[in-house]
Amino acid sequence: MTRALLVVDVQNDFCEGGSLAVAGGADVAAAISEHVRAHAADYAHVVATRDHHVDPGGHFAEEPDYLETWPAHCVVGTDGVELHPRLERRPIEAVFDKGEYAAAYSGFEGRSDGVPLADWLRAHGVDAVDVVGIATDHCVRATALDAVGEGFAARVLLPLTAGVSEATTDAALDQLRTAGVELEGQVHRAA
C-alpha cells in the first residue's frame, strides 16, 4: 500500500485564540508535527487541507446554530485561515483549499492548483490514507468518510485529532466505524 497523511484544517481559527477554537487544537498541531518526524518513512506523501472562505453564504451567521451555521472563520486574507505555527510545513507537499463560496467539510472538496484531492492522491499512486486534524466530529469525519467513498483505505489517528464536543465526537466515531474507517487510539479530549 502507498499511504498518505491527510492533515485536516489545522488552522489558526480552529486552535486556541481563533474565532472557532477547538480545545486542544494547538497541542494537536504540535503532536502531528512530532508524528510526521517520527513516522516519515510510513508516508509516501503528506498533504493538508484548509477551510478557505471568501463568501460561503449561509455557512456564516451572526447567531450561529453550530450545526449548519458558524461564526465567521478561516476567511481568506486573515491570519485565521493560515496553518497553525505549531504544524511543521516542510513535509507538506500540497495544500487543498475548500469552501470558498459554500460550506465544505470534507478535504475531498478541496483543490490544490485546481486539482481535486482524490485526483492528486491517485496521480501519486496513493491507495491508503491516515486522517488527522481538526475537528474530529466535523471535517475529520467528513474527510475520512469521503476517503472510503473514493475507494481509499482510511484510518483516523484519533490522538492526532481534536473534537468539538464529546457527544458529537462519539456520534462521529460510530459513523466512521460503520463506514469501515479504521480508528486507532483515543481521541484528544481537552481536560
Protein backbone atom coordinates (compact mmCIF):
# COMPACT_ATOMS: atom_id res chain seq x y z
CA MET A 1 0.00 0.00 0.00
CA THR A 2 1.05 3.54 -0.70
CA ARG A 3 -0.09 5.67 2.22
CA ALA A 4 -0.54 9.44 2.53
CA LEU A 5 -1.13 11.52 5.64
CA LEU A 6 -4.05 13.96 5.29
CA VAL A 7 -3.75 16.84 7.77
CA VAL A 8 -7.23 18.36 8.01
CA ASP A 9 -7.81 22.03 8.81
CA VAL A 10 -5.09 22.61 11.42
CA GLN A 11 -5.60 26.36 11.12
CA ASN A 12 -5.30 29.32 13.45
CA ASP A 13 -9.05 29.90 13.67
CA PHE A 14 -9.62 26.30 14.82
CA CYS A 15 -6.97 26.49 17.57
CA GLU A 16 -6.97 28.36 20.86
CA GLY A 17 -7.33 32.10 20.26
CA GLY A 18 -9.10 31.59 16.93
CA SER A 19 -12.65 32.59 16.03
CA LEU A 20 -13.91 28.98 16.15
CA ALA A 21 -11.38 27.41 18.51
CA VAL A 22 -11.42 23.72 19.39
CA ALA A 23 -9.89 22.93 22.79
CA GLY A 24 -6.56 21.19 22.32
CA GLY A 25 -6.11 22.33 18.72
CA ALA A 26 -2.63 23.78 19.23
CA ASP A 27 -1.49 20.62 21.03
CA VAL A 28 -2.83 18.52 18.15
CA ALA A 29 -0.85 20.70 15.71
CA ALA A 30 2.35 20.00 17.65
CA ALA A 31 1.54 16.30 18.01
CA ILE A 32 1.00 15.95 14.25
CA SER A 33 4.39 17.55 13.62
CA GLU A 34 6.04 15.11 16.03
CA HIS A 35 4.19 12.19 14.41
CA VAL A 36 5.42 13.18 10.96
CA ARG A 37 9.01 13.40 12.23
CA ALA A 38 8.77 10.01 13.97
CA HIS A 39 6.90 8.23 11.15
CA ALA A 40 8.16 9.89 7.98
CA ALA A 41 9.01 6.51 6.46
CA ASP A 42 5.36 5.41 6.80
CA TYR A 43 4.11 8.01 4.32
CA ALA A 44 4.78 8.44 0.64
CA HIS A 45 3.09 11.86 0.81
CA VAL A 46 1.86 14.41 3.36
CA VAL A 47 -0.82 16.90 2.34
CA ALA A 48 -3.04 19.36 4.19
CA THR A 49 -6.50 20.85 3.77
CA ARG A 50 -7.73 24.31 4.72
CA ASP A 51 -11.08 25.94 5.13
CA HIS A 52 -10.61 28.88 2.76
CA HIS A 53 -13.69 31.08 2.87
CA VAL A 54 -14.28 34.06 0.59
CA ASP A 55 -18.08 34.31 0.83
CA PRO A 56 -19.57 30.99 1.93
CA GLY A 57 -23.13 32.34 2.03
CA GLY A 58 -25.31 30.88 4.78
CA HIS A 59 -22.36 28.99 6.31
CA PHE A 60 -21.65 32.11 8.41
CA ALA A 61 -24.27 33.55 10.74
CA GLU A 62 -24.49 36.36 13.27
CA GLU A 63 -26.31 33.91 15.57
CA PRO A 64 -24.90 30.51 14.57
CA ASP A 65 -26.53 27.20 15.48
CA TYR A 66 -23.14 25.40 15.50
CA LEU A 67 -24.64 22.61 13.37
CA GLU A 68 -25.01 24.19 9.94
CA THR A 69 -24.13 27.82 10.64
CA TRP A 70 -20.99 29.12 12.31
CA PRO A 71 -19.27 32.36 13.28
CA ALA A 72 -17.02 33.77 10.55
CA HIS A 73 -13.81 31.71 10.39
CA CYS A 74 -10.89 30.96 8.06
CA VAL A 75 -11.62 34.00 5.91
CA VAL A 76 -9.18 34.49 3.03
CA GLY A 77 -6.82 37.36 3.79
CA THR A 78 -6.94 36.91 7.58
CA ASP A 79 -4.44 35.23 9.89
CA GLY A 80 -7.17 32.75 10.88
CA VAL A 81 -7.02 30.97 7.51
CA GLU A 82 -3.31 30.13 7.90
CA LEU A 83 -1.98 26.77 9.06
CA HIS A 84 -1.14 26.84 12.77
CA PRO A 85 2.51 27.73 13.54
CA ARG A 86 2.99 24.53 15.59
CA LEU A 87 2.28 22.47 12.45
CA GLU A 88 5.56 21.82 10.63
CA ARG A 89 5.09 22.93 7.00
CA ARG A 90 8.19 21.43 5.42
CA PRO A 91 6.80 17.90 4.89
CA ILE A 92 3.52 19.18 3.38
CA GLU A 93 3.61 18.75 -0.39
CA ALA A 94 0.29 20.37 -1.26
CA VAL A 95 -2.49 22.30 0.48
CA PHE A 96 -6.07 21.72 -0.67
CA ASP A 97 -8.35 24.72 -0.13
CA LYS A 98 -12.10 24.24 0.24
CA GLY A 99 -15.21 26.25 0.90
CA GLU A 100 -14.54 29.50 -0.93
CA TYR A 101 -18.22 30.12 -1.76
CA ALA A 102 -20.11 27.39 0.12
CA ALA A 103 -19.79 25.25 3.21
CA ALA A 104 -17.22 22.49 2.76
CA TYR A 105 -16.36 19.96 5.44
CA SER A 106 -14.51 17.23 3.57
CA GLY A 107 -10.95 17.69 2.40
CA PHE A 108 -12.07 15.88 -0.74
CA GLU A 109 -13.97 19.06 -1.67
CA GLY A 110 -10.62 20.86 -1.77
CA ARG A 111 -8.31 21.66 -4.66
CA SER A 112 -4.63 22.45 -4.94
CA ASP A 113 -3.65 24.34 -8.10
CA GLY A 114 -7.05 23.34 -9.50
CA VAL A 115 -6.56 19.61 -8.86
CA PRO A 116 -9.09 17.85 -6.57
CA LEU A 117 -7.64 15.92 -3.62
CA ALA A 118 -8.80 12.48 -4.84
CA ASP A 119 -7.26 13.05 -8.28
CA TRP A 120 -3.98 14.23 -6.73
CA LEU A 121 -3.79 11.16 -4.49
CA ARG A 122 -4.50 8.77 -7.38
CA ALA A 123 -1.95 10.53 -9.60
CA HIS A 124 0.63 9.91 -6.86
CA GLY A 125 -0.25 6.22 -6.53
CA VAL A 126 -1.88 6.56 -3.10
CA ASP A 127 -4.39 3.89 -2.09
CA ALA A 128 -4.48 4.38 1.72
CA VAL A 129 -4.76 7.48 3.90
CA ASP A 130 -4.29 8.36 7.54
CA VAL A 131 -6.52 11.27 8.52
CA VAL A 132 -5.61 13.65 11.38
CA GLY A 133 -6.56 17.20 12.37
CA ILE A 134 -9.49 19.35 13.43
CA ALA A 135 -12.28 18.71 14.18
CA THR A 136 -12.83 15.00 14.79
CA ASP A 137 -16.61 15.40 14.66
CA HIS A 138 -16.79 17.64 11.59
CA CYS A 139 -14.08 17.95 8.94
CA VAL A 140 -12.00 14.93 10.01
CA ARG A 141 -15.17 12.80 9.97
CA ALA A 142 -16.30 14.11 6.56
CA THR A 143 -12.82 13.65 5.05
CA ALA A 144 -12.46 10.07 6.30
CA LEU A 145 -15.95 9.15 5.08
CA ASP A 146 -15.22 10.61 1.64
CA ALA A 147 -11.87 8.80 1.55
CA VAL A 148 -13.70 5.49 1.88
CA GLY A 149 -16.28 6.64 -0.65
CA GLU A 150 -13.47 7.42 -3.10
CA GLY A 151 -12.04 3.92 -2.65
CA PHE A 152 -9.12 4.65 -0.35
CA ALA A 153 -8.38 2.57 2.74
CA ALA A 154 -8.87 5.10 5.54
CA ARG A 155 -7.60 5.23 9.08
CA VAL A 156 -8.14 8.06 11.58
CA LEU A 157 -5.33 8.50 14.12
CA LEU A 158 -7.51 9.68 16.99
CA PRO A 159 -4.77 11.03 19.31
CA LEU A 160 -3.92 13.45 16.48
CA THR A 161 -7.44 14.89 16.30
CA ALA A 162 -9.47 17.24 18.49
CA GLY A 163 -13.25 17.17 18.71
CA VAL A 164 -15.70 19.98 19.38
CA SER A 165 -17.86 18.13 21.88
CA GLU A 166 -17.93 14.70 23.44
CA ALA A 167 -21.44 13.87 22.19
CA THR A 168 -20.81 14.83 18.56
CA THR A 169 -17.37 13.21 18.60
CA ASP A 170 -18.79 9.92 19.91
CA ALA A 171 -21.51 10.02 17.22
CA ALA A 172 -18.86 10.69 14.56
CA LEU A 173 -16.74 7.74 15.75
CA ASP A 174 -19.77 5.44 15.49
CA GLN A 175 -20.44 6.70 11.96
CA LEU A 176 -16.81 6.19 10.95
CA ARG A 177 -16.72 2.63 12.34
CA THR A 178 -19.93 1.77 10.48
CA ALA A 179 -18.46 3.10 7.23
CA GLY A 180 -15.37 0.90 7.55
CA VAL A 181 -12.90 3.57 8.64
CA GLU A 182 -10.20 2.15 10.91
CA LEU A 183 -9.88 4.06 14.19
CA GLU A 184 -6.57 3.99 16.02
CA GLY A 185 -6.04 5.18 19.60
CA GLN A 186 -8.20 7.56 21.61
CA VAL A 187 -9.38 10.99 20.56
CA HIS A 188 -7.72 14.01 22.19
CA ARG A 189 -10.13 15.34 24.80
CA ALA A 190 -9.48 18.65 26.48
CA ALA A 191 -9.09 18.39 30.23
